[in-house]
Amino acid sequence: MGLLSILRKLRSAPEKELRLLLLGLDNAGKTTILKTLASEDVTHITPTAGFNIKSVVSEGFKLNVWDIGGQRKIRPYWKNYFENTDILVYVVDAADKRRLEETGIELYELLGDEKLKEVPLLVYANKQDLPESLSASDLAQTLGLPSIKDRPWQIQACTASQASGVREGMEWACNTIKKK
């Protein structure tokens, strides 16, 4: 193995591991985002009955992503996964206007938990390809995100099924951790 190969291998090794918690209501697109990050096929996604874990490398970090199911009966168990979370990723179906209040309530319950105190928040405004979707800025206002002052936060428009906007959100997350 030549010097150049060794240098390339060292450069591609992640600097640090991060734990990302991927939450949101059922059918928001959490698993699609996870599979997109892992460069996996997203044509056949089934609802997550428990959780999925994948490790992906992004921006010099090894991201250990925990995708927890969002069905109402599973949500009380979310708190079992809060420990040692570096980034909270919350996925919203921006086209599902009838559940915006419900998703907002769930989000603010998460933000109020002591174990997630000061954990940076990335909100994906997913399903931007649908004509009835709220824009990321409208969704941010609807959810009251500008009132969040106790942590860095970002909203990212995305269409996970087309891999649009997903990487940009992860770049923000990794850059936010680098600044800490």
N, C-alpha and C. Protein backbone atom coordinates (compact mmCIF):
# COMPACT_ATOMS: atom_id res chain seq x y z
N MET A 1 0.86 -1.18 0.00
CA MET A 1 0.00 0.00 0.00
C MET A 1 0.90 1.23 0.00
N GLY A 2 0.69 2.12 -0.99
CA GLY A 2 1.50 3.31 -1.10
C GLY A 2 1.07 4.40 -0.14
N LEU A 3 1.91 5.43 -0.02
CA LEU A 3 1.62 6.55 0.88
C LEU A 3 0.32 7.24 0.52
N LEU A 4 0.07 7.41 -0.78
CA LEU A 4 -1.15 8.07 -1.21
C LEU A 4 -2.38 7.27 -0.77
N SER A 5 -2.32 5.95 -0.88
CA SER A 5 -3.44 5.10 -0.44
C SER A 5 -3.68 5.23 1.05
N ILE A 6 -2.61 5.28 1.82
CA ILE A 6 -2.73 5.41 3.28
C ILE A 6 -3.36 6.75 3.63
N LEU A 7 -2.90 7.81 2.97
CA LEU A 7 -3.46 9.14 3.23
C LEU A 7 -4.94 9.21 2.88
N ARG A 8 -5.31 8.61 1.74
CA ARG A 8 -6.72 8.59 1.35
C ARG A 8 -7.56 7.85 2.38
N LYS A 9 -7.05 6.71 2.84
CA LYS A 9 -7.79 5.92 3.82
C LYS A 9 -7.95 6.70 5.13
N LEU A 10 -6.91 7.37 5.57
CA LEU A 10 -7.00 8.16 6.80
C LEU A 10 -7.99 9.31 6.63
N ARG A 11 -7.97 9.95 5.47
CA ARG A 11 -8.87 11.07 5.23
C ARG A 11 -10.33 10.63 5.18
N SER A 12 -10.60 9.42 4.69
CA SER A 12 -11.98 8.96 4.57
C SER A 12 -12.51 8.39 5.88
N ALA A 13 -11.64 8.14 6.85
CA ALA A 13 -12.10 7.62 8.14
C ALA A 13 -12.83 8.72 8.90
N PRO A 14 -13.99 8.42 9.45
CA PRO A 14 -14.73 9.45 10.16
C PRO A 14 -14.00 9.95 11.39
N GLU A 15 -14.10 11.27 11.62
CA GLU A 15 -13.45 11.89 12.78
C GLU A 15 -14.15 11.51 14.08
N LYS A 16 -15.46 11.44 14.04
CA LYS A 16 -16.24 11.27 15.25
C LYS A 16 -17.55 10.56 14.93
N GLU A 17 -18.07 9.84 15.92
CA GLU A 17 -19.37 9.22 15.76
C GLU A 17 -20.44 10.10 16.38
N LEU A 18 -21.57 10.20 15.69
CA LEU A 18 -22.71 10.95 16.19
C LEU A 18 -23.93 10.05 16.24
N ARG A 19 -24.76 10.29 17.23
CA ARG A 19 -26.02 9.55 17.36
C ARG A 19 -27.15 10.49 16.95
N LEU A 20 -27.86 10.10 15.90
CA LEU A 20 -28.99 10.87 15.41
C LEU A 20 -30.27 10.11 15.71
N LEU A 21 -31.23 10.81 16.25
CA LEU A 21 -32.53 10.22 16.54
C LEU A 21 -33.50 10.75 15.50
N LEU A 22 -34.08 9.86 14.72
CA LEU A 22 -34.96 10.19 13.61
C LEU A 22 -36.39 9.89 14.02
N LEU A 23 -37.17 10.96 14.29
CA LEU A 23 -38.53 10.81 14.78
C LEU A 23 -39.52 11.59 13.92
N GLY A 24 -40.79 11.32 14.13
CA GLY A 24 -41.88 11.99 13.42
C GLY A 24 -43.07 11.05 13.39
N LEU A 25 -44.21 11.59 13.01
CA LEU A 25 -45.41 10.76 12.93
C LEU A 25 -45.25 9.67 11.89
N ASP A 26 -46.08 8.64 11.98
CA ASP A 26 -46.07 7.57 10.99
C ASP A 26 -46.36 8.15 9.61
N ASN A 27 -45.73 7.59 8.60
CA ASN A 27 -45.88 7.96 7.21
C ASN A 27 -45.30 9.34 6.87
N ALA A 28 -44.42 9.86 7.71
CA ALA A 28 -43.80 11.16 7.42
C ALA A 28 -42.63 11.02 6.45
N GLY A 29 -41.99 9.83 6.43
CA GLY A 29 -40.87 9.60 5.53
C GLY A 29 -39.55 9.33 6.23
N LYS A 30 -39.59 8.95 7.50
CA LYS A 30 -38.36 8.73 8.27
C LYS A 30 -37.51 7.62 7.67
N THR A 31 -38.10 6.48 7.39
CA THR A 31 -37.34 5.35 6.86
C THR A 31 -36.83 5.65 5.46
N THR A 32 -37.60 6.39 4.68
CA THR A 32 -37.14 6.78 3.35
C THR A 32 -35.91 7.67 3.46
N ILE A 33 -35.91 8.59 4.41
CA ILE A 33 -34.73 9.43 4.64
C ILE A 33 -33.54 8.57 5.06
N LEU A 34 -33.76 7.63 5.96
CA LEU A 34 -32.69 6.75 6.40
C LEU A 34 -32.11 5.96 5.23
N LYS A 35 -32.97 5.39 4.41
CA LYS A 35 -32.49 4.60 3.27
C LYS A 35 -31.81 5.49 2.23
N THR A 36 -32.29 6.71 2.08
CA THR A 36 -31.64 7.64 1.15
C THR A 36 -30.23 7.95 1.64
N LEU A 37 -30.07 8.20 2.93
CA LEU A 37 -28.75 8.47 3.49
C LEU A 37 -27.80 7.30 3.28
N ALA A 38 -28.35 6.09 3.36
CA ALA A 38 -27.53 4.89 3.20
C ALA A 38 -27.40 4.46 1.73
N SER A 39 -27.92 5.28 0.81
CA SER A 39 -27.88 4.99 -0.63
C SER A 39 -28.53 3.64 -0.95
N GLU A 40 -29.65 3.39 -0.29
CA GLU A 40 -30.39 2.14 -0.53
C GLU A 40 -31.64 2.43 -1.35
N ASP A 41 -32.21 1.38 -1.91
CA ASP A 41 -33.42 1.47 -2.71
C ASP A 41 -34.60 1.93 -1.84
N VAL A 42 -35.35 2.92 -2.33
CA VAL A 42 -36.49 3.44 -1.56
C VAL A 42 -37.83 3.14 -2.24
N THR A 43 -37.83 2.22 -3.20
CA THR A 43 -39.08 1.95 -3.92
C THR A 43 -40.08 1.13 -3.09
N HIS A 44 -39.60 0.34 -2.15
CA HIS A 44 -40.51 -0.48 -1.34
C HIS A 44 -40.21 -0.27 0.14
N ILE A 45 -40.92 0.67 0.74
CA ILE A 45 -40.76 0.98 2.16
C ILE A 45 -41.99 0.49 2.90
N THR A 46 -41.78 -0.20 4.00
CA THR A 46 -42.91 -0.62 4.83
C THR A 46 -42.87 0.14 6.15
N PRO A 47 -44.03 0.33 6.77
CA PRO A 47 -44.04 1.06 8.05
C PRO A 47 -43.13 0.40 9.08
N THR A 48 -42.44 1.23 9.84
CA THR A 48 -41.52 0.73 10.86
C THR A 48 -42.31 0.38 12.11
N ALA A 49 -42.33 -0.90 12.46
CA ALA A 49 -43.09 -1.35 13.63
C ALA A 49 -42.28 -1.16 14.91
N GLY A 50 -41.00 -1.07 14.83
CA GLY A 50 -40.13 -0.88 15.99
C GLY A 50 -39.12 0.20 15.69
N PHE A 51 -37.92 -0.23 15.28
CA PHE A 51 -36.90 0.75 14.91
C PHE A 51 -35.94 0.16 13.89
N ASN A 52 -35.25 1.04 13.20
CA ASN A 52 -34.18 0.68 12.26
C ASN A 52 -32.94 1.45 12.69
N ILE A 53 -31.79 0.85 12.54
CA ILE A 53 -30.52 1.52 12.84
C ILE A 53 -29.61 1.34 11.64
N LYS A 54 -29.02 2.44 11.21
CA LYS A 54 -28.02 2.37 10.14
C LYS A 54 -26.89 3.32 10.48
N SER A 55 -25.70 2.98 10.04
CA SER A 55 -24.54 3.86 10.18
C SER A 55 -24.13 4.32 8.80
N VAL A 56 -23.99 5.62 8.65
CA VAL A 56 -23.56 6.20 7.38
C VAL A 56 -22.47 7.22 7.67
N VAL A 57 -21.60 7.45 6.70
CA VAL A 57 -20.55 8.44 6.85
C VAL A 57 -20.96 9.69 6.08
N SER A 58 -20.87 10.84 6.76
CA SER A 58 -21.21 12.12 6.15
C SER A 58 -20.38 13.22 6.78
N GLU A 59 -19.80 14.08 5.94
CA GLU A 59 -19.08 15.25 6.43
C GLU A 59 -18.00 14.91 7.47
N GLY A 60 -17.35 13.76 7.31
CA GLY A 60 -16.29 13.38 8.24
C GLY A 60 -16.80 12.75 9.53
N PHE A 61 -18.09 12.47 9.61
CA PHE A 61 -18.67 11.86 10.80
C PHE A 61 -19.27 10.50 10.45
N LYS A 62 -19.21 9.59 11.40
CA LYS A 62 -19.97 8.35 11.29
C LYS A 62 -21.29 8.64 11.99
N LEU A 63 -22.38 8.61 11.24
CA LEU A 63 -23.70 8.91 11.79
C LEU A 63 -24.42 7.60 12.10
N ASN A 64 -24.69 7.38 13.37
CA ASN A 64 -25.48 6.23 13.78
C ASN A 64 -26.92 6.73 13.91
N VAL A 65 -27.73 6.37 12.92
CA VAL A 65 -29.08 6.91 12.81
C VAL A 65 -30.09 5.90 13.33
N TRP A 66 -30.86 6.34 14.33
CA TRP A 66 -31.92 5.52 14.92
C TRP A 66 -33.25 6.02 14.39
N ASP A 67 -33.91 5.22 13.60
CA ASP A 67 -35.22 5.52 13.01
C ASP A 67 -36.26 4.77 13.83
N ILE A 68 -37.06 5.51 14.59
CA ILE A 68 -38.06 4.89 15.47
C ILE A 68 -39.44 5.08 14.85
N GLY A 69 -40.25 4.02 14.86
CA GLY A 69 -41.60 4.09 14.30
C GLY A 69 -42.41 5.23 14.91
N GLY A 70 -43.33 5.77 14.12
CA GLY A 70 -44.10 6.94 14.55
C GLY A 70 -45.58 6.68 14.81
N GLN A 71 -46.00 5.42 14.82
CA GLN A 71 -47.40 5.14 15.12
C GLN A 71 -47.72 5.58 16.54
N ARG A 72 -48.94 5.98 16.77
CA ARG A 72 -49.37 6.50 18.07
C ARG A 72 -49.01 5.54 19.22
N LYS A 73 -49.17 4.24 19.01
CA LYS A 73 -48.90 3.28 20.09
C LYS A 73 -47.39 3.13 20.38
N ILE A 74 -46.54 3.53 19.44
CA ILE A 74 -45.08 3.43 19.63
C ILE A 74 -44.50 4.69 20.26
N ARG A 75 -45.11 5.84 20.03
CA ARG A 75 -44.55 7.12 20.48
C ARG A 75 -44.20 7.19 21.97
N PRO A 76 -44.97 6.57 22.87
CA PRO A 76 -44.57 6.62 24.29
C PRO A 76 -43.19 5.99 24.54
N TYR A 77 -42.73 5.14 23.64
CA TYR A 77 -41.44 4.48 23.81
C TYR A 77 -40.27 5.29 23.26
N TRP A 78 -40.57 6.39 22.56
CA TRP A 78 -39.50 7.22 22.01
C TRP A 78 -38.51 7.62 23.09
N LYS A 79 -38.99 7.93 24.28
CA LYS A 79 -38.12 8.43 25.36
C LYS A 79 -37.03 7.43 25.73
N ASN A 80 -37.23 6.16 25.42
CA ASN A 80 -36.21 5.14 25.72
C ASN A 80 -34.97 5.29 24.84
N TYR A 81 -35.03 6.13 23.82
CA TYR A 81 -33.94 6.28 22.87
C TYR A 81 -33.25 7.64 22.96
N PHE A 82 -33.65 8.50 23.91
CA PHE A 82 -33.14 9.87 23.99
C PHE A 82 -31.69 9.97 24.46
N GLU A 83 -31.25 9.05 25.29
CA GLU A 83 -29.92 9.11 25.90
C GLU A 83 -28.82 9.26 24.84
N ASN A 84 -27.91 10.19 25.07
CA ASN A 84 -26.73 10.41 24.23
C ASN A 84 -27.03 10.83 22.79
N THR A 85 -28.18 11.45 22.57
CA THR A 85 -28.52 11.93 21.23
C THR A 85 -27.73 13.19 20.93
N ASP A 86 -27.08 13.22 19.77
CA ASP A 86 -26.32 14.40 19.35
C ASP A 86 -27.16 15.34 18.48
N ILE A 87 -28.04 14.77 17.66
CA ILE A 87 -28.91 15.55 16.79
C ILE A 87 -30.29 14.92 16.80
N LEU A 88 -31.32 15.74 16.99
CA LEU A 88 -32.70 15.29 16.87
C LEU A 88 -33.17 15.66 15.46
N VAL A 89 -33.55 14.66 14.69
CA VAL A 89 -34.06 14.87 13.34
C VAL A 89 -35.55 14.55 13.38
N TYR A 90 -36.37 15.56 13.08
CA TYR A 90 -37.82 15.39 13.13
C TYR A 90 -38.36 15.55 11.72
N VAL A 91 -39.10 14.55 11.26
CA VAL A 91 -39.60 14.53 9.90
C VAL A 91 -41.10 14.83 9.90
N VAL A 92 -41.49 15.77 9.05
CA VAL A 92 -42.89 16.17 8.93
C VAL A 92 -43.35 15.95 7.50
N ASP A 93 -44.50 15.32 7.34
CA ASP A 93 -45.14 15.22 6.03
C ASP A 93 -45.78 16.58 5.78
N ALA A 94 -45.14 17.40 4.97
CA ALA A 94 -45.59 18.78 4.73
C ALA A 94 -46.90 18.84 3.96
N ALA A 95 -47.34 17.73 3.40
CA ALA A 95 -48.61 17.69 2.67
C ALA A 95 -49.78 17.24 3.54
N ASP A 96 -49.49 16.74 4.73
CA ASP A 96 -50.54 16.20 5.61
C ASP A 96 -51.01 17.30 6.58
N LYS A 97 -51.79 18.23 6.06
CA LYS A 97 -52.21 19.39 6.85
C LYS A 97 -53.13 19.02 8.01
N ARG A 98 -53.87 17.94 7.88
CA ARG A 98 -54.78 17.58 8.97
C ARG A 98 -54.04 17.08 10.22
N ARG A 99 -52.77 16.71 10.08
CA ARG A 99 -52.02 16.24 11.24
C ARG A 99 -50.93 17.21 11.70
N LEU A 100 -50.96 18.43 11.19
CA LEU A 100 -49.95 19.41 11.58
C LEU A 100 -50.01 19.72 13.08
N GLU A 101 -51.20 19.85 13.62
CA GLU A 101 -51.31 20.12 15.06
C GLU A 101 -50.74 18.96 15.87
N GLU A 102 -51.07 17.75 15.48
CA GLU A 102 -50.57 16.56 16.18
C GLU A 102 -49.05 16.48 16.12
N THR A 103 -48.47 16.73 14.94
CA THR A 103 -47.01 16.65 14.81
C THR A 103 -46.34 17.76 15.61
N GLY A 104 -46.97 18.92 15.67
CA GLY A 104 -46.43 20.03 16.48
C GLY A 104 -46.42 19.69 17.96
N ILE A 105 -47.50 19.10 18.43
CA ILE A 105 -47.58 18.71 19.85
C ILE A 105 -46.49 17.70 20.17
N GLU A 106 -46.32 16.70 19.31
CA GLU A 106 -45.28 15.68 19.54
C GLU A 106 -43.89 16.30 19.55
N LEU A 107 -43.65 17.23 18.62
CA LEU A 107 -42.34 17.88 18.54
C LEU A 107 -42.05 18.65 19.82
N TYR A 108 -42.98 19.42 20.32
CA TYR A 108 -42.73 20.23 21.51
C TYR A 108 -42.62 19.39 22.78
N GLU A 109 -43.27 18.22 22.79
CA GLU A 109 -43.05 17.30 23.91
C GLU A 109 -41.60 16.80 23.91
N LEU A 110 -41.08 16.52 22.73
CA LEU A 110 -39.68 16.09 22.60
C LEU A 110 -38.74 17.20 23.08
N LEU A 111 -38.99 18.42 22.61
CA LEU A 111 -38.10 19.53 22.94
C LEU A 111 -38.13 19.86 24.43
N GLY A 112 -39.20 19.49 25.11
CA GLY A 112 -39.30 19.76 26.54
C GLY A 112 -38.64 18.72 27.41
N ASP A 113 -38.19 17.62 26.83
CA ASP A 113 -37.59 16.55 27.62
C ASP A 113 -36.16 16.92 28.04
N GLU A 114 -35.84 16.71 29.28
CA GLU A 114 -34.53 17.05 29.85
C GLU A 114 -33.38 16.35 29.11
N LYS A 115 -33.59 15.10 28.68
CA LYS A 115 -32.52 14.35 28.00
C LYS A 115 -32.19 14.92 26.62
N LEU A 116 -33.10 15.71 26.07
CA LEU A 116 -32.87 16.31 24.75
C LEU A 116 -32.58 17.81 24.86
N LYS A 117 -32.34 18.27 26.07
CA LYS A 117 -32.07 19.69 26.30
C LYS A 117 -30.85 20.12 25.49
N GLU A 118 -30.99 21.21 24.76
CA GLU A 118 -29.94 21.82 23.95
C GLU A 118 -29.46 20.97 22.77
N VAL A 119 -30.12 19.84 22.51
CA VAL A 119 -29.75 19.01 21.36
C VAL A 119 -30.22 19.73 20.09
N PRO A 120 -29.32 19.95 19.13
CA PRO A 120 -29.72 20.61 17.88
C PRO A 120 -30.86 19.87 17.19
N LEU A 121 -31.73 20.64 16.54
CA LEU A 121 -32.93 20.11 15.90
C LEU A 121 -32.88 20.36 14.40
N LEU A 122 -33.02 19.29 13.64
CA LEU A 122 -33.17 19.38 12.19
C LEU A 122 -34.58 18.89 11.87
N VAL A 123 -35.37 19.75 11.23
CA VAL A 123 -36.72 19.38 10.81
C VAL A 123 -36.71 19.24 9.29
N TYR A 124 -37.12 18.07 8.82
CA TYR A 124 -37.28 17.87 7.39
C TYR A 124 -38.74 18.14 7.03
N ALA A 125 -38.97 19.09 6.14
CA ALA A 125 -40.30 19.34 5.57
C ALA A 125 -40.39 18.45 4.33
N ASN A 126 -40.82 17.22 4.54
CA ASN A 126 -40.77 16.19 3.51
C ASN A 126 -41.98 16.26 2.58
N LYS A 127 -41.84 15.59 1.46
CA LYS A 127 -42.88 15.44 0.44
C LYS A 127 -43.17 16.76 -0.28
N GLN A 128 -42.10 17.50 -0.54
CA GLN A 128 -42.23 18.77 -1.25
C GLN A 128 -42.68 18.58 -2.70
N ASP A 129 -42.65 17.36 -3.20
CA ASP A 129 -43.08 17.08 -4.57
C ASP A 129 -44.60 17.09 -4.71
N LEU A 130 -45.32 17.05 -3.59
CA LEU A 130 -46.79 17.03 -3.65
C LEU A 130 -47.31 18.47 -3.73
N PRO A 131 -48.30 18.70 -4.58
CA PRO A 131 -48.76 20.07 -4.80
C PRO A 131 -49.33 20.77 -3.56
N GLU A 132 -49.88 20.02 -2.63
CA GLU A 132 -50.48 20.63 -1.44
C GLU A 132 -49.50 20.82 -0.28
N SER A 133 -48.23 20.53 -0.51
CA SER A 133 -47.23 20.64 0.56
C SER A 133 -47.00 22.09 0.96
N LEU A 134 -46.83 22.29 2.27
CA LEU A 134 -46.41 23.60 2.77
C LEU A 134 -44.92 23.76 2.47
N SER A 135 -44.50 24.96 2.15
CA SER A 135 -43.08 25.21 1.97
C SER A 135 -42.39 25.07 3.32
N ALA A 136 -41.08 24.94 3.31
CA ALA A 136 -40.33 24.82 4.56
C ALA A 136 -40.55 26.05 5.44
N SER A 137 -40.54 27.24 4.85
CA SER A 137 -40.72 28.45 5.66
C SER A 137 -42.13 28.54 6.24
N ASP A 138 -43.15 28.15 5.47
CA ASP A 138 -44.51 28.15 6.00
C ASP A 138 -44.67 27.11 7.11
N LEU A 139 -44.05 25.95 6.92
CA LEU A 139 -44.12 24.91 7.94
C LEU A 139 -43.41 25.36 9.22
N ALA A 140 -42.27 26.03 9.06
CA ALA A 140 -41.54 26.55 10.23
C ALA A 140 -42.42 27.50 11.03
N GLN A 141 -43.13 28.38 10.34
CA GLN A 141 -44.03 29.32 11.02
C GLN A 141 -45.19 28.59 11.68
N THR A 142 -45.78 27.62 10.97
CA THR A 142 -46.91 26.86 11.50
C THR A 142 -46.52 26.11 12.78
N LEU A 143 -45.31 25.56 12.79
CA LEU A 143 -44.83 24.81 13.96
C LEU A 143 -44.24 25.72 15.04
N GLY A 144 -44.09 26.99 14.75
CA GLY A 144 -43.53 27.93 15.73
C GLY A 144 -42.04 27.77 15.94
N LEU A 145 -41.33 27.28 14.94
CA LEU A 145 -39.89 27.05 15.09
C LEU A 145 -39.09 28.32 15.41
N PRO A 146 -39.46 29.49 14.86
CA PRO A 146 -38.68 30.69 15.19
C PRO A 146 -38.67 31.04 16.69
N SER A 147 -39.60 30.49 17.44
CA SER A 147 -39.63 30.76 18.88
C SER A 147 -38.63 29.89 19.66
N ILE A 148 -38.01 28.92 19.00
CA ILE A 148 -37.05 28.04 19.68
C ILE A 148 -35.75 28.80 19.88
N LYS A 149 -35.37 29.01 21.13
CA LYS A 149 -34.16 29.78 21.45
C LYS A 149 -33.12 28.97 22.24
N ASP A 150 -33.48 27.75 22.67
CA ASP A 150 -32.58 26.99 23.54
C ASP A 150 -31.68 26.00 22.80
N ARG A 151 -31.69 26.04 21.48
CA ARG A 151 -30.88 25.10 20.68
C ARG A 151 -30.80 25.60 19.24
N PRO A 152 -29.77 25.22 18.53
CA PRO A 152 -29.75 25.52 17.10
C PRO A 152 -30.81 24.66 16.40
N TRP A 153 -31.47 25.22 15.41
CA TRP A 153 -32.44 24.45 14.64
C TRP A 153 -32.38 24.86 13.19
N GLN A 154 -32.84 23.97 12.34
CA GLN A 154 -32.88 24.20 10.90
C GLN A 154 -34.06 23.45 10.33
N ILE A 155 -34.74 24.05 9.38
CA ILE A 155 -35.76 23.32 8.63
C ILE A 155 -35.25 23.15 7.22
N GLN A 156 -35.41 21.95 6.69
CA GLN A 156 -34.89 21.63 5.36
C GLN A 156 -36.01 21.05 4.51
N ALA A 157 -36.31 21.70 3.41
CA ALA A 157 -37.27 21.14 2.46
C ALA A 157 -36.64 19.90 1.82
N CYS A 158 -37.44 18.86 1.67
CA CYS A 158 -36.91 17.66 1.03
C CYS A 158 -38.02 16.85 0.38
N THR A 159 -37.60 16.01 -0.52
CA THR A 159 -38.44 14.96 -1.08
C THR A 159 -37.58 13.71 -0.95
N ALA A 160 -37.76 13.01 0.14
CA ALA A 160 -36.88 11.88 0.45
C ALA A 160 -36.92 10.80 -0.63
N SER A 161 -38.08 10.57 -1.22
CA SER A 161 -38.20 9.53 -2.23
C SER A 161 -37.37 9.83 -3.48
N GLN A 162 -37.01 11.10 -3.66
CA GLN A 162 -36.17 11.50 -4.80
C GLN A 162 -34.77 11.93 -4.34
N ALA A 163 -34.46 11.73 -3.07
CA ALA A 163 -33.17 12.10 -2.49
C ALA A 163 -32.89 13.60 -2.60
N SER A 164 -33.94 14.40 -2.67
CA SER A 164 -33.79 15.84 -2.80
C SER A 164 -33.83 16.50 -1.42
N GLY A 165 -32.75 17.22 -1.09
CA GLY A 165 -32.70 17.98 0.16
C GLY A 165 -32.21 17.20 1.38
N VAL A 166 -32.10 15.89 1.28
CA VAL A 166 -31.73 15.07 2.44
C VAL A 166 -30.28 15.31 2.84
N ARG A 167 -29.38 15.27 1.89
CA ARG A 167 -27.95 15.47 2.20
C ARG A 167 -27.69 16.87 2.76
N GLU A 168 -28.40 17.87 2.23
CA GLU A 168 -28.21 19.24 2.72
C GLU A 168 -28.56 19.35 4.20
N GLY A 169 -29.59 18.65 4.61
CA GLY A 169 -29.95 18.64 6.03
C GLY A 169 -28.86 18.01 6.88
N MET A 170 -28.29 16.92 6.41
CA MET A 170 -27.22 16.25 7.15
C MET A 170 -25.97 17.11 7.19
N GLU A 171 -25.71 17.85 6.12
CA GLU A 171 -24.56 18.76 6.12
C GLU A 171 -24.73 19.81 7.22
N TRP A 172 -25.95 20.37 7.34
CA TRP A 172 -26.21 21.35 8.40
C TRP A 172 -25.96 20.70 9.77
N ALA A 173 -26.49 19.49 9.97
CA ALA A 173 -26.35 18.81 11.25
C ALA A 173 -24.87 18.61 11.61
N CYS A 174 -24.10 18.12 10.67
CA CYS A 174 -22.68 17.86 10.92
C CYS A 174 -21.92 19.16 11.15
N ASN A 175 -22.21 20.19 10.36
CA ASN A 175 -21.54 21.48 10.56
C ASN A 175 -21.90 22.10 11.90
N THR A 176 -23.11 21.90 12.36
CA THR A 176 -23.53 22.41 13.67
C THR A 176 -22.74 21.74 14.78
N ILE A 177 -22.53 20.44 14.66
CA ILE A 177 -21.74 19.71 15.67
C ILE A 177 -20.27 20.14 15.62
N LYS A 178 -19.75 20.38 14.43
CA LYS A 178 -18.35 20.82 14.29
C LYS A 178 -18.12 22.15 15.00
N LYS A 179 -19.12 23.01 15.02
CA LYS A 179 -19.00 24.33 15.65
C LYS A 179 -19.02 24.25 17.17
N LYS A 180 -19.55 23.16 17.70
CA LYS A 180 -19.67 23.02 19.17
C LYS A 180 -18.31 22.83 19.81
